[in-house]
């Protein structure tokens, strides 16, 4: 039997937000690799929509005191940094 590990609501909330950030990164990787170039309006629209949605999720979790504001900001900053790396790499192709 696998023992159940007690995970706080705060840890669960952060894990869910991190998973959503990872999904956005993966979605953008797929778009860059297979579908569109970063200059494409569709790429920009998807990115803007996804980032806005994640920022609203983070804001909601912060207001519920499930995630610290600094942690939410750090999550967004890390995602933006990774997306910038992807964008720069696609420009070098």
C-alpha atoms as a PDB file:
ATOM      1  CA  UNK A   1       0.000   0.000   0.000  1.00  0.00           C
ATOM      2  CA  UNK A   2       1.128   3.517  -0.769  1.00  0.00           C
ATOM      3  CA  UNK A   3       0.761   5.822   2.220  1.00  0.00           C
ATOM      4  CA  UNK A   4      -1.243   8.949   1.588  1.00  0.00           C
ATOM      5  CA  UNK A   5       0.774  12.078   2.002  1.00  0.00           C
ATOM      6  CA  UNK A   6      -0.990  15.004   3.578  1.00  0.00           C
ATOM      7  CA  UNK A   7      -0.885  17.871   1.117  1.00  0.00           C
ATOM      8  CA  UNK A   8      -2.185  21.257   2.113  1.00  0.00           C
ATOM      9  CA  UNK A   9      -4.670  23.184   0.038  1.00  0.00           C
ATOM     10  CA  UNK A  10      -1.959  25.752  -0.575  1.00  0.00           C
ATOM     11  CA  UNK A  11       0.373  23.105  -2.001  1.00  0.00           C
ATOM     12  CA  UNK A  12      -2.432  21.688  -4.127  1.00  0.00           C
ATOM     13  CA  UNK A  13      -3.320  25.139  -5.461  1.00  0.00           C
ATOM     14  CA  UNK A  14       0.276  25.899  -6.370  1.00  0.00           C
ATOM     15  CA  UNK A  15       0.701  22.477  -8.006  1.00  0.00           C
ATOM     16  CA  UNK A  16      -2.399  23.067 -10.143  1.00  0.00           C
ATOM     17  CA  UNK A  17      -1.173  26.507 -11.196  1.00  0.00           C
ATOM     18  CA  UNK A  18       2.258  25.077 -12.023  1.00  0.00           C
ATOM     19  CA  UNK A  19       0.617  22.337 -14.092  1.00  0.00           C
ATOM     20  CA  UNK A  20      -1.357  24.974 -16.017  1.00  0.00           C
ATOM     21  CA  UNK A  21       1.836  26.955 -16.639  1.00  0.00           C
ATOM     22  CA  UNK A  22       3.524  23.783 -17.902  1.00  0.00           C
ATOM     23  CA  UNK A  23       0.578  23.137 -20.245  1.00  0.00           C
ATOM     24  CA  UNK A  24       0.925  26.634 -21.699  1.00  0.00           C
ATOM     25  CA  UNK A  25       4.631  26.098 -22.269  1.00  0.00           C
ATOM     26  CA  UNK A  26       3.959  22.759 -23.966  1.00  0.00           C
ATOM     27  CA  UNK A  27       1.213  24.279 -26.135  1.00  0.00           C
ATOM     28  CA  UNK A  28       3.543  27.016 -27.320  1.00  0.00           C
ATOM     29  CA  UNK A  29       6.336  24.493 -27.978  1.00  0.00           C
ATOM     30  CA  UNK A  30       3.985  22.505 -30.185  1.00  0.00           C
ATOM     31  CA  UNK A  31       2.888  25.628 -32.038  1.00  0.00           C
ATOM     32  CA  UNK A  32       6.450  26.741 -32.654  1.00  0.00           C
ATOM     33  CA  UNK A  33       7.646  23.286 -33.691  1.00  0.00           C
ATOM     34  CA  UNK A  34       4.727  22.236 -35.865  1.00  0.00           C
ATOM     35  CA  UNK A  35       2.135  24.826 -36.608  1.00  0.00           C
ATOM     36  CA  UNK A  36       2.994  28.484 -36.741  1.00  0.00           C
ATOM     37  CA  UNK A  37       5.798  30.948 -36.384  1.00  0.00           C
ATOM     38  CA  UNK A  38       5.908  33.432 -33.484  1.00  0.00           C
ATOM     39  CA  UNK A  39       5.042  36.295 -35.862  1.00  0.00           C
ATOM     40  CA  UNK A  40       1.689  34.681 -36.638  1.00  0.00           C
ATOM     41  CA  UNK A  41      -1.324  36.485 -35.129  1.00  0.00           C
ATOM     42  CA  UNK A  42      -2.785  33.109 -34.076  1.00  0.00           C
ATOM     43  CA  UNK A  43       0.358  32.340 -32.066  1.00  0.00           C
ATOM     44  CA  UNK A  44       0.187  35.717 -30.337  1.00  0.00           C
ATOM     45  CA  UNK A  45      -3.529  35.388 -29.643  1.00  0.00           C
ATOM     46  CA  UNK A  46      -3.146  31.931 -28.115  1.00  0.00           C
ATOM     47  CA  UNK A  47      -0.213  33.087 -26.020  1.00  0.00           C
ATOM     48  CA  UNK A  48      -1.977  36.249 -24.822  1.00  0.00           C
ATOM     49  CA  UNK A  49      -5.193  34.362 -24.022  1.00  0.00           C
ATOM     50  CA  UNK A  50      -3.414  31.588 -22.144  1.00  0.00           C
ATOM     51  CA  UNK A  51      -1.200  33.987 -20.173  1.00  0.00           C
ATOM     52  CA  UNK A  52      -4.174  36.155 -19.271  1.00  0.00           C
ATOM     53  CA  UNK A  53      -6.124  33.111 -18.095  1.00  0.00           C
ATOM     54  CA  UNK A  54      -3.229  31.904 -15.961  1.00  0.00           C
ATOM     55  CA  UNK A  55      -2.746  35.343 -14.435  1.00  0.00           C
ATOM     56  CA  UNK A  56      -6.443  35.401 -13.484  1.00  0.00           C
ATOM     57  CA  UNK A  57      -6.149  31.917 -11.931  1.00  0.00           C
ATOM     58  CA  UNK A  58      -3.160  33.076  -9.915  1.00  0.00           C
ATOM     59  CA  UNK A  59      -4.961  36.242  -8.833  1.00  0.00           C
ATOM     60  CA  UNK A  60      -7.921  34.156  -7.672  1.00  0.00           C
ATOM     61  CA  UNK A  61      -5.672  31.793  -5.693  1.00  0.00           C
ATOM     62  CA  UNK A  62      -3.889  34.765  -4.121  1.00  0.00           C
ATOM     63  CA  UNK A  63      -7.176  36.363  -3.092  1.00  0.00           C
ATOM     64  CA  UNK A  64      -8.184  33.090  -1.442  1.00  0.00           C
ATOM     65  CA  UNK A  65      -4.847  33.048   0.381  1.00  0.00           C
ATOM     66  CA  UNK A  66      -3.991  29.716  -1.227  1.00  0.00           C
ATOM     67  CA  UNK A  67      -0.893  31.081  -2.962  1.00  0.00           C
ATOM     68  CA  UNK A  68       1.392  33.873  -1.876  1.00  0.00           C
ATOM     69  CA  UNK A  69       1.464  36.797  -4.278  1.00  0.00           C
ATOM     70  CA  UNK A  70       5.256  36.485  -4.606  1.00  0.00           C
ATOM     71  CA  UNK A  71       4.956  32.810  -5.572  1.00  0.00           C
ATOM     72  CA  UNK A  72       2.319  33.579  -8.183  1.00  0.00           C
ATOM     73  CA  UNK A  73       4.438  36.353  -9.657  1.00  0.00           C
ATOM     74  CA  UNK A  74       7.462  34.063  -9.696  1.00  0.00           C
ATOM     75  CA  UNK A  75       5.459  31.390 -11.527  1.00  0.00           C
ATOM     76  CA  UNK A  76       4.411  33.882 -14.218  1.00  0.00           C
ATOM     77  CA  UNK A  77       7.921  35.323 -14.480  1.00  0.00           C
ATOM     78  CA  UNK A  78       9.432  31.847 -14.918  1.00  0.00           C
ATOM     79  CA  UNK A  79       6.896  30.977 -17.599  1.00  0.00           C
ATOM     80  CA  UNK A  80       7.569  34.231 -19.448  1.00  0.00           C
ATOM     81  CA  UNK A  81      11.305  33.568 -19.280  1.00  0.00           C
ATOM     82  CA  UNK A  82      10.860  30.060 -20.718  1.00  0.00           C
ATOM     83  CA  UNK A  83       8.568  31.367 -23.452  1.00  0.00           C
ATOM     84  CA  UNK A  84      11.132  34.018 -24.361  1.00  0.00           C
ATOM     85  CA  UNK A  85      13.786  31.303 -24.675  1.00  0.00           C
ATOM     86  CA  UNK A  86      11.514  29.355 -27.020  1.00  0.00           C
ATOM     87  CA  UNK A  87      10.808  32.460 -29.068  1.00  0.00           C
ATOM     88  CA  UNK A  88      14.512  33.305 -29.363  1.00  0.00           C
ATOM     89  CA  UNK A  89      15.362  29.726 -30.363  1.00  0.00           C
ATOM     90  CA  UNK A  90      12.677  29.770 -33.063  1.00  0.00           C
ATOM     91  CA  UNK A  91      14.115  33.017 -34.465  1.00  0.00           C
ATOM     92  CA  UNK A  92      17.522  31.366 -34.917  1.00  0.00           C
ATOM     93  CA  UNK A  93      16.103  28.653 -37.190  1.00  0.00           C
END
